[in-house]
Amino acid sequence: MSNGFDIYTLLFLVLAVVIFLRLKNALGRRTGSERPPHDPFTASSAKSNGAKQAAEDKIVALPRRRGEKQAQAVDGAEERLKDFAPQGSPLAKGLMSIIKSDPGFDPEQFLQGAKAAYEMIVTAFAGGNKPTLRQLLGKDVYDGFVGAIEEREQRGEEVESSFIGIDKADMIEAGLKEKSAQITVKFVSKLITSTSDRDGNIIDGNPKKVREVTDIWTFARTVTARDPNWKLVATEAAN
């Protein structure tokens, strides 16, 4: 009986190992390096990073000290910033302070991401798309946008909006407040937008006229956070 018990025990152990291996192959494992959610501020570099990442996966790089990363980021930064801010200006100094705290910051990539985020936010607000707004807005701005959407819905109003494009997008202010990097961007865009009441009457805007809109928006992110996403934390309409 002892020999029989040992044989069955062995069979059960073998069966358990086979099931475990099959589950492992079918489901895979989380390694902590999964792709993050879509982020308009980093999506523009995804393609170029693909080939680079494939090569880097085969290399074990020694970690650099923070001071070395900062020095490398600052080296040549003034030359890169001249396309976005006059040398020695408050804007240039603000951007430099962000680069020193976040060596991975790239002003050109940020501006491209800000343009994409602007279009997404304007379109989501017109369509009442709260999930998209939640991903891109800071809490206070999100609460304000959602409040306006809900008031509009209660009145039975509908917004029709077509985003034509962005004519200009310029960084006008930048700085570091404690651990928060903040950059203000002035957007000049063209939209076709109109609002109708519950009876279908146009009460605001013109569905056949292109309108120029100027907005001043401030984006922020915590430089010490692993999350690379910037969020809209303040808005101002210039017209």
Foldseek 3Di string as FASTA:
>chain_A
DVVVVVVVVVVVVVVVVVVVVVVCVVPPDDDPPDDDPDFLLCPVCVVVVPVVVVVCVVDDDDDDDLVVLLVVLLVCVQVQCVVADPPPDQASVQVNQLCNLAVPDDVVSRQSSVQVLVVQVVVCLLVVPLVSQVVAADPVVSVVSNVVSVVCVVQQKHKDKDWDGWPDKGWDHWHQDPQKTKIKIKTKGKMQMFMATNVRHTDDGDNVDIDIWIKIWMWMDGSPDPDPHIHTYDIDTPD
